[in-house]
Amino acid sequence: MMDVLYFAWVRERIGLPKERVETRAATVSELVAELSAREERYALAFSDLTALRVALDQELSDFDAPLEGVREVAFFPPMTGG
């Protein structure tokens, strides 16, 4: 079990700020594929991965990163300058 968090427009498209997910995914990309297959709203949110960033246990990561031992996955758009 892991917590999956959604921020900004990702949260708006999916309609949830977070959820607990049981997954067999070995990588972030596999998790995205599982989530996208659930419903159209997930497929829409994950349709363009170049517009998304991912953090594993609050550390910026890549979509090919392994999920073993990870407790929290967060998806969010890239941060813009400040």
PDB file of N, CA and C in Angstrom:
ATOM      1  N   MET A   1       0.841  -1.191   0.000  1.00  0.00           N
ATOM      2  CA  MET A   1       0.000   0.000   0.000  1.00  0.00           C
ATOM      3  C   MET A   1       0.880   1.246   0.000  1.00  0.00           C
ATOM      4  N   MET A   2       0.486   2.238  -0.768  1.00  0.00           N
ATOM      5  CA  MET A   2       1.213   3.502  -0.747  1.00  0.00           C
ATOM      6  C   MET A   2       0.225   4.645  -0.923  1.00  0.00           C
ATOM      7  N   ASP A   3       0.623   5.805  -0.464  1.00  0.00           N
ATOM      8  CA  ASP A   3      -0.189   7.007  -0.672  1.00  0.00           C
ATOM      9  C   ASP A   3       0.214   7.626  -1.998  1.00  0.00           C
ATOM     10  N   VAL A   4      -0.788   8.007  -2.789  1.00  0.00           N
ATOM     11  CA  VAL A   4      -0.532   8.723  -4.040  1.00  0.00           C
ATOM     12  C   VAL A   4      -1.177  10.092  -3.900  1.00  0.00           C
ATOM     13  N   LEU A   5      -0.368  11.141  -4.061  1.00  0.00           N
ATOM     14  CA  LEU A   5      -0.833  12.515  -3.908  1.00  0.00           C
ATOM     15  C   LEU A   5      -0.875  13.202  -5.257  1.00  0.00           C
ATOM     16  N   TYR A   6      -1.893  14.044  -5.429  1.00  0.00           N
ATOM     17  CA  TYR A   6      -2.057  14.792  -6.687  1.00  0.00           C
ATOM     18  C   TYR A   6      -2.117  16.276  -6.359  1.00  0.00           C
ATOM     19  N   PHE A   7      -1.390  17.083  -7.126  1.00  0.00           N
ATOM     20  CA  PHE A   7      -1.345  18.521  -6.878  1.00  0.00           C
ATOM     21  C   PHE A   7      -1.751  19.315  -8.116  1.00  0.00           C
ATOM     22  N   ALA A   8      -2.238  20.543  -7.870  1.00  0.00           N
ATOM     23  CA  ALA A   8      -2.578  21.506  -8.926  1.00  0.00           C
ATOM     24  C   ALA A   8      -3.588  20.915  -9.911  1.00  0.00           C
ATOM     25  N   TRP A   9      -3.332  21.059 -11.225  1.00  0.00           N
ATOM     26  CA  TRP A   9      -4.321  20.599 -12.206  1.00  0.00           C
ATOM     27  C   TRP A   9      -4.454  19.082 -12.241  1.00  0.00           C
ATOM     28  N   VAL A  10      -3.451  18.363 -11.751  1.00  0.00           N
ATOM     29  CA  VAL A  10      -3.559  16.899 -11.689  1.00  0.00           C
ATOM     30  C   VAL A  10      -4.695  16.541 -10.720  1.00  0.00           C
ATOM     31  N   ARG A  11      -4.711  17.216  -9.574  1.00  0.00           N
ATOM     32  CA  ARG A  11      -5.764  17.018  -8.573  1.00  0.00           C
ATOM     33  C   ARG A  11      -7.124  17.386  -9.159  1.00  0.00           C
ATOM     34  N   GLU A  12      -7.178  18.483  -9.900  1.00  0.00           N
ATOM     35  CA  GLU A  12      -8.450  18.919 -10.489  1.00  0.00           C
ATOM     36  C   GLU A  12      -8.984  17.897 -11.487  1.00  0.00           C
ATOM     37  N   ARG A  13      -8.112  17.339 -12.314  1.00  0.00           N
ATOM     38  CA  ARG A  13      -8.565  16.363 -13.321  1.00  0.00           C
ATOM     39  C   ARG A  13      -9.011  15.053 -12.679  1.00  0.00           C
ATOM     40  N   ILE A  14      -8.285  14.604 -11.665  1.00  0.00           N
ATOM     41  CA  ILE A  14      -8.614  13.325 -11.039  1.00  0.00           C
ATOM     42  C   ILE A  14      -9.738  13.497 -10.018  1.00  0.00           C
ATOM     43  N   GLY A  15      -9.799  14.674  -9.390  1.00  0.00           N
ATOM     44  CA  GLY A  15     -10.864  14.939  -8.433  1.00  0.00           C
ATOM     45  C   GLY A  15     -10.559  14.495  -7.018  1.00  0.00           C
ATOM     46  N   LEU A  16      -9.312  14.168  -6.745  1.00  0.00           N
ATOM     47  CA  LEU A  16      -8.888  13.741  -5.408  1.00  0.00           C
ATOM     48  C   LEU A  16      -7.549  14.375  -5.064  1.00  0.00           C
ATOM     49  N   PRO A  17      -7.349  14.765  -3.800  1.00  0.00           N
ATOM     50  CA  PRO A  17      -6.030  15.257  -3.402  1.00  0.00           C
ATOM     51  C   PRO A  17      -5.057  14.110  -3.135  1.00  0.00           C
ATOM     52  N   LYS A  18      -5.587  12.954  -2.656  1.00  0.00           N
ATOM     53  CA  LYS A  18      -4.726  11.799  -2.399  1.00  0.00           C
ATOM     54  C   LYS A  18      -5.571  10.559  -2.258  1.00  0.00           C
ATOM     55  N   GLU A  19      -4.920   9.418  -2.410  1.00  0.00           N
ATOM     56  CA  GLU A  19      -5.601   8.138  -2.202  1.00  0.00           C
ATOM     57  C   GLU A  19      -4.571   7.086  -1.831  1.00  0.00           C
ATOM     58  N   ARG A  20      -5.052   6.034  -1.168  1.00  0.00           N
ATOM     59  CA  ARG A  20      -4.176   4.899  -0.870  1.00  0.00           C
ATOM     60  C   ARG A  20      -4.349   3.891  -1.984  1.00  0.00           C
ATOM     61  N   VAL A  21      -3.225   3.439  -2.533  1.00  0.00           N
ATOM     62  CA  VAL A  21      -3.257   2.560  -3.694  1.00  0.00           C
ATOM     63  C   VAL A  21      -2.510   1.267  -3.379  1.00  0.00           C
ATOM     64  N   GLU A  22      -3.132   0.163  -3.743  1.00  0.00           N
ATOM     65  CA  GLU A  22      -2.434  -1.122  -3.687  1.00  0.00           C
ATOM     66  C   GLU A  22      -2.004  -1.426  -5.107  1.00  0.00           C
ATOM     67  N   THR A  23      -0.722  -1.660  -5.292  1.00  0.00           N
ATOM     68  CA  THR A  23      -0.210  -1.823  -6.650  1.00  0.00           C
ATOM     69  C   THR A  23       0.844  -2.904  -6.711  1.00  0.00           C
ATOM     70  N   ARG A  24       0.964  -3.491  -7.883  1.00  0.00           N
ATOM     71  CA  ARG A  24       2.053  -4.443  -8.154  1.00  0.00           C
ATOM     72  C   ARG A  24       3.115  -3.779  -9.031  1.00  0.00           C
ATOM     73  N   ALA A  25       2.924  -2.503  -9.334  1.00  0.00           N
ATOM     74  CA  ALA A  25       3.854  -1.781 -10.209  1.00  0.00           C
ATOM     75  C   ALA A  25       5.265  -1.782  -9.623  1.00  0.00           C
ATOM     76  N   ALA A  26       6.242  -2.013 -10.494  1.00  0.00           N
ATOM     77  CA  ALA A  26       7.643  -2.015 -10.060  1.00  0.00           C
ATOM     78  C   ALA A  26       8.280  -0.640 -10.226  1.00  0.00           C
ATOM     79  N   THR A  27       7.720   0.182 -11.139  1.00  0.00           N
ATOM     80  CA  THR A  27       8.279   1.512 -11.400  1.00  0.00           C
ATOM     81  C   THR A  27       7.152   2.543 -11.405  1.00  0.00           C
ATOM     82  N   VAL A  28       7.532   3.798 -11.388  1.00  0.00           N
ATOM     83  CA  VAL A  28       6.537   4.877 -11.466  1.00  0.00           C
ATOM     84  C   VAL A  28       5.751   4.764 -12.770  1.00  0.00           C
ATOM     85  N   SER A  29       6.435   4.483 -13.876  1.00  0.00           N
ATOM     86  CA  SER A  29       5.744   4.354 -15.168  1.00  0.00           C
ATOM     87  C   SER A  29       4.679   3.268 -15.138  1.00  0.00           C
ATOM     88  N   GLU A  30       4.971   2.144 -14.486  1.00  0.00           N
ATOM     89  CA  GLU A  30       3.983   1.066 -14.377  1.00  0.00           C
ATOM     90  C   GLU A  30       2.796   1.508 -13.527  1.00  0.00           C
ATOM     91  N   LEU A  31       3.070   2.270 -12.468  1.00  0.00           N
ATOM     92  CA  LEU A  31       1.989   2.801 -11.632  1.00  0.00           C
ATOM     93  C   LEU A  31       1.101   3.737 -12.447  1.00  0.00           C
ATOM     94  N   VAL A  32       1.715   4.605 -13.234  1.00  0.00           N
ATOM     95  CA  VAL A  32       0.968   5.522 -14.096  1.00  0.00           C
ATOM     96  C   VAL A  32       0.084   4.733 -15.067  1.00  0.00           C
ATOM     97  N   ALA A  33       0.622   3.662 -15.635  1.00  0.00           N
ATOM     98  CA  ALA A  33      -0.154   2.834 -16.564  1.00  0.00           C
ATOM     99  C   ALA A  33      -1.350   2.204 -15.852  1.00  0.00           C
ATOM    100  N   GLU A  34      -1.132   1.708 -14.624  1.00  0.00           N
ATOM    101  CA  GLU A  34      -2.230   1.125 -13.836  1.00  0.00           C
ATOM    102  C   GLU A  34      -3.309   2.166 -13.548  1.00  0.00           C
ATOM    103  N   LEU A  35      -2.888   3.335 -13.108  1.00  0.00           N
ATOM    104  CA  LEU A  35      -3.847   4.390 -12.783  1.00  0.00           C
ATOM    105  C   LEU A  35      -4.592   4.846 -14.033  1.00  0.00           C
ATOM    106  N   SER A  36      -3.877   5.009 -15.134  1.00  0.00           N
ATOM    107  CA  SER A  36      -4.489   5.472 -16.386  1.00  0.00           C
ATOM    108  C   SER A  36      -5.558   4.504 -16.889  1.00  0.00           C
ATOM    109  N   ALA A  37      -5.363   3.217 -16.607  1.00  0.00           N
ATOM    110  CA  ALA A  37      -6.307   2.202 -17.073  1.00  0.00           C
ATOM    111  C   ALA A  37      -7.596   2.181 -16.248  1.00  0.00           C
ATOM    112  N   ARG A  38      -7.585   2.826 -15.087  1.00  0.00           N
ATOM    113  CA  ARG A  38      -8.749   2.825 -14.200  1.00  0.00           C
ATOM    114  C   ARG A  38      -9.965   3.502 -14.810  1.00  0.00           C
ATOM    115  N   GLU A  39      -9.792   4.773 -15.150  1.00  0.00           N
ATOM    116  CA  GLU A  39     -10.899   5.614 -15.619  1.00  0.00           C
ATOM    117  C   GLU A  39     -10.341   6.692 -16.540  1.00  0.00           C
ATOM    118  N   GLU A  40     -11.236   7.288 -17.307  1.00  0.00           N
ATOM    119  CA  GLU A  40     -10.817   8.325 -18.252  1.00  0.00           C
ATOM    120  C   GLU A  40     -10.173   9.519 -17.553  1.00  0.00           C
ATOM    121  N   ARG A  41     -10.659   9.875 -16.364  1.00  0.00           N
ATOM    122  CA  ARG A  41     -10.087  11.049 -15.676  1.00  0.00           C
ATOM    123  C   ARG A  41      -8.611  10.838 -15.335  1.00  0.00           C
ATOM    124  N   TYR A  42      -8.230   9.602 -15.002  1.00  0.00           N
ATOM    125  CA  TYR A  42      -6.815   9.304 -14.753  1.00  0.00           C
ATOM    126  C   TYR A  42      -6.036   9.345 -16.070  1.00  0.00           C
ATOM    127  N   ALA A  43      -6.614   8.753 -17.094  1.00  0.00           N
ATOM    128  CA  ALA A  43      -5.953   8.740 -18.406  1.00  0.00           C
ATOM    129  C   ALA A  43      -5.688  10.171 -18.874  1.00  0.00           C
ATOM    130  N   LEU A  44      -6.653  11.065 -18.658  1.00  0.00           N
ATOM    131  CA  LEU A  44      -6.481  12.470 -19.031  1.00  0.00           C
ATOM    132  C   LEU A  44      -5.357  13.123 -18.225  1.00  0.00           C
ATOM    133  N   ALA A  45      -5.358  12.882 -16.933  1.00  0.00           N
ATOM    134  CA  ALA A  45      -4.353  13.506 -16.067  1.00  0.00           C
ATOM    135  C   ALA A  45      -2.942  13.066 -16.428  1.00  0.00           C
ATOM    136  N   PHE A  46      -2.803  11.805 -16.870  1.00  0.00           N
ATOM    137  CA  PHE A  46      -1.476  11.268 -17.174  1.00  0.00           C
ATOM    138  C   PHE A  46      -1.185  11.195 -18.671  1.00  0.00           C
ATOM    139  N   SER A  47      -1.982  11.892 -19.488  1.00  0.00           N
ATOM    140  CA  SER A  47      -1.833  11.776 -20.937  1.00  0.00           C
ATOM    141  C   SER A  47      -0.526  12.373 -21.466  1.00  0.00           C
ATOM    142  N   ASP A  48       0.042  13.345 -20.761  1.00  0.00           N
ATOM    143  CA  ASP A  48       1.286  13.970 -21.219  1.00  0.00           C
ATOM    144  C   ASP A  48       2.289  14.003 -20.064  1.00  0.00           C
ATOM    145  N   LEU A  49       3.110  12.982 -19.981  1.00  0.00           N
ATOM    146  CA  LEU A  49       4.047  12.891 -18.849  1.00  0.00           C
ATOM    147  C   LEU A  49       5.127  13.963 -18.897  1.00  0.00           C
ATOM    148  N   THR A  50       5.329  14.587 -20.062  1.00  0.00           N
ATOM    149  CA  THR A  50       6.322  15.670 -20.113  1.00  0.00           C
ATOM    150  C   THR A  50       5.833  16.886 -19.327  1.00  0.00           C
ATOM    151  N   ALA A  51       4.521  16.925 -19.041  1.00  0.00           N
ATOM    152  CA  ALA A  51       3.955  18.038 -18.281  1.00  0.00           C
ATOM    153  C   ALA A  51       3.839  17.691 -16.797  1.00  0.00           C
ATOM    154  N   LEU A  52       4.452  16.599 -16.387  1.00  0.00           N
ATOM    155  CA  LEU A  52       4.358  16.152 -14.998  1.00  0.00           C
ATOM    156  C   LEU A  52       5.719  15.909 -14.375  1.00  0.00           C
ATOM    157  N   ARG A  53       5.776  16.083 -13.076  1.00  0.00           N
ATOM    158  CA  ARG A  53       6.937  15.707 -12.282  1.00  0.00           C
ATOM    159  C   ARG A  53       6.447  14.712 -11.247  1.00  0.00           C
ATOM    160  N   VAL A  54       7.374  13.933 -10.715  1.00  0.00           N
ATOM    161  CA  VAL A  54       7.020  12.948  -9.694  1.00  0.00           C
ATOM    162  C   VAL A  54       8.034  13.017  -8.559  1.00  0.00           C
ATOM    163  N   ALA A  55       7.526  12.833  -7.339  1.00  0.00           N
ATOM    164  CA  ALA A  55       8.396  12.759  -6.166  1.00  0.00           C
ATOM    165  C   ALA A  55       8.077  11.465  -5.429  1.00  0.00           C
ATOM    166  N   LEU A  56       9.128  10.765  -5.001  1.00  0.00           N
ATOM    167  CA  LEU A  56       8.976   9.549  -4.215  1.00  0.00           C
ATOM    168  C   LEU A  56       9.453   9.848  -2.804  1.00  0.00           C
ATOM    169  N   ASP A  57       8.562   9.659  -1.838  1.00  0.00           N
ATOM    170  CA  ASP A  57       8.868   9.996  -0.442  1.00  0.00           C
ATOM    171  C   ASP A  57       9.484  11.394  -0.339  1.00  0.00           C
ATOM    172  N   GLN A  58       8.884  12.334  -1.048  1.00  0.00           N
ATOM    173  CA  GLN A  58       9.212  13.763  -1.039  1.00  0.00           C
ATOM    174  C   GLN A  58      10.561  14.112  -1.663  1.00  0.00           C
ATOM    175  N   GLU A  59      11.074  13.210  -2.503  1.00  0.00           N
ATOM    176  CA  GLU A  59      12.299  13.507  -3.255  1.00  0.00           C
ATOM    177  C   GLU A  59      11.996  13.430  -4.740  1.00  0.00           C
ATOM    178  N   LEU A  60      12.370  14.472  -5.478  1.00  0.00           N
ATOM    179  CA  LEU A  60      12.138  14.506  -6.919  1.00  0.00           C
ATOM    180  C   LEU A  60      12.759  13.270  -7.566  1.00  0.00           C
ATOM    181  N   SER A  61      12.009  12.663  -8.465  1.00  0.00           N
ATOM    182  CA  SER A  61      12.471  11.413  -9.051  1.00  0.00           C
ATOM    183  C   SER A  61      12.112  11.349 -10.529  1.00  0.00           C
ATOM    184  N   ASP A  62      12.316  10.180 -11.136  1.00  0.00           N
ATOM    185  CA  ASP A  62      12.026   9.955 -12.549  1.00  0.00           C
ATOM    186  C   ASP A  62      10.932   8.907 -12.692  1.00  0.00           C
ATOM    187  N   PHE A  63      10.316   8.875 -13.870  1.00  0.00           N
ATOM    188  CA  PHE A  63       9.235   7.923 -14.109  1.00  0.00           C
ATOM    189  C   PHE A  63       9.742   6.487 -14.231  1.00  0.00           C
ATOM    190  N   ASP A  64      11.057   6.297 -14.438  1.00  0.00           N
ATOM    191  CA  ASP A  64      11.576   4.927 -14.489  1.00  0.00           C
ATOM    192  C   ASP A  64      12.119   4.474 -13.136  1.00  0.00           C
ATOM    193  N   ALA A  65      11.914   5.283 -12.100  1.00  0.00           N
ATOM    194  CA  ALA A  65      12.411   4.954 -10.766  1.00  0.00           C
ATOM    195  C   ALA A  65      11.643   3.773 -10.175  1.00  0.00           C
ATOM    196  N   PRO A  66      12.349   2.895  -9.434  1.00  0.00           N
ATOM    197  CA  PRO A  66      11.678   1.758  -8.791  1.00  0.00           C
ATOM    198  C   PRO A  66      10.819   2.209  -7.613  1.00  0.00           C
ATOM    199  N   LEU A  67       9.750   1.462  -7.362  1.00  0.00           N
ATOM    200  CA  LEU A  67       8.825   1.803  -6.274  1.00  0.00           C
ATOM    201  C   LEU A  67       9.048   0.975  -5.008  1.00  0.00           C
ATOM    202  N   GLU A  68       9.970   0.046  -5.061  1.00  0.00           N
ATOM    203  CA  GLU A  68      10.187  -0.810  -3.903  1.00  0.00           C
ATOM    204  C   GLU A  68      10.521   0.014  -2.663  1.00  0.00           C
ATOM    205  N   GLY A  69       9.767  -0.202  -1.592  1.00  0.00           N
ATOM    206  CA  GLY A  69      10.007   0.500  -0.339  1.00  0.00           C
ATOM    207  C   GLY A  69       9.438   1.910  -0.272  1.00  0.00           C
ATOM    208  N   VAL A  70       8.868   2.395  -1.359  1.00  0.00           N
ATOM    209  CA  VAL A  70       8.323   3.752  -1.395  1.00  0.00           C
ATOM    210  C   VAL A  70       6.961   3.789  -0.683  1.00  0.00           C
ATOM    211  N   ARG A  71       6.767   4.789   0.162  1.00  0.00           N
ATOM    212  CA  ARG A  71       5.505   4.933   0.892  1.00  0.00           C
ATOM    213  C   ARG A  71       4.601   6.003   0.293  1.00  0.00           C
ATOM    214  N   GLU A  72       5.209   6.968  -0.418  1.00  0.00           N
ATOM    215  CA  GLU A  72       4.409   8.070  -0.946  1.00  0.00           C
ATOM    216  C   GLU A  72       4.905   8.473  -2.336  1.00  0.00           C
ATOM    217  N   VAL A  73       3.943   8.592  -3.260  1.00  0.00           N
ATOM    218  CA  VAL A  73       4.234   9.062  -4.617  1.00  0.00           C
ATOM    219  C   VAL A  73       3.405  10.320  -4.833  1.00  0.00           C
ATOM    220  N   ALA A  74       4.038  11.381  -5.305  1.00  0.00           N
ATOM    221  CA  ALA A  74       3.313  12.633  -5.566  1.00  0.00           C
ATOM    222  C   ALA A  74       3.501  13.038  -7.012  1.00  0.00           C
ATOM    223  N   PHE A  75       2.393  13.422  -7.651  1.00  0.00           N
ATOM    224  CA  PHE A  75       2.423  13.907  -9.033  1.00  0.00           C
ATOM    225  C   PHE A  75       2.043  15.376  -9.054  1.00  0.00           C
ATOM    226  N   PHE A  76       2.795  16.180  -9.800  1.00  0.00           N
ATOM    227  CA  PHE A  76       2.535  17.622  -9.840  1.00  0.00           C
ATOM    228  C   PHE A  76       3.139  18.211 -11.114  1.00  0.00           C
ATOM    229  N   PRO A  77       2.618  19.365 -11.540  1.00  0.00           N
ATOM    230  CA  PRO A  77       3.213  20.028 -12.702  1.00  0.00           C
ATOM    231  C   PRO A  77       4.563  20.641 -12.315  1.00  0.00           C
ATOM    232  N   PRO A  78       5.415  20.903 -13.307  1.00  0.00           N
ATOM    233  CA  PRO A  78       6.702  21.545 -12.999  1.00  0.00           C
ATOM    234  C   PRO A  78       6.485  22.891 -12.320  1.00  0.00           C
ATOM    235  N   MET A  79       7.348  23.209 -11.400  1.00  0.00           N
ATOM    236  CA  MET A  79       7.248  24.510 -10.718  1.00  0.00           C
ATOM    237  C   MET A  79       7.770  25.585 -11.659  1.00  0.00           C
ATOM    238  N   THR A  80       7.085  26.702 -11.683  1.00  0.00           N
ATOM    239  CA  THR A  80       7.547  27.800 -12.543  1.00  0.00           C
ATOM    240  C   THR A  80       8.370  28.758 -11.703  1.00  0.00           C
ATOM    241  N   GLY A  81       9.159  29.577 -12.362  1.00  0.00           N
ATOM    242  CA  GLY A  81      10.101  30.483 -11.710  1.00  0.00           C
ATOM    243  C   GLY A  81       9.464  31.354 -10.638  1.00  0.00           C
ATOM    244  N   GLY A  82      10.306  31.919  -9.786  1.00  0.00           N
ATOM    245  CA  GLY A  82       9.741  32.636  -8.669  1.00  0.00           C
ATOM    246  C   GLY A  82      10.321  33.973  -8.541  1.00  0.00           C
TER     247      GLY A  82
END
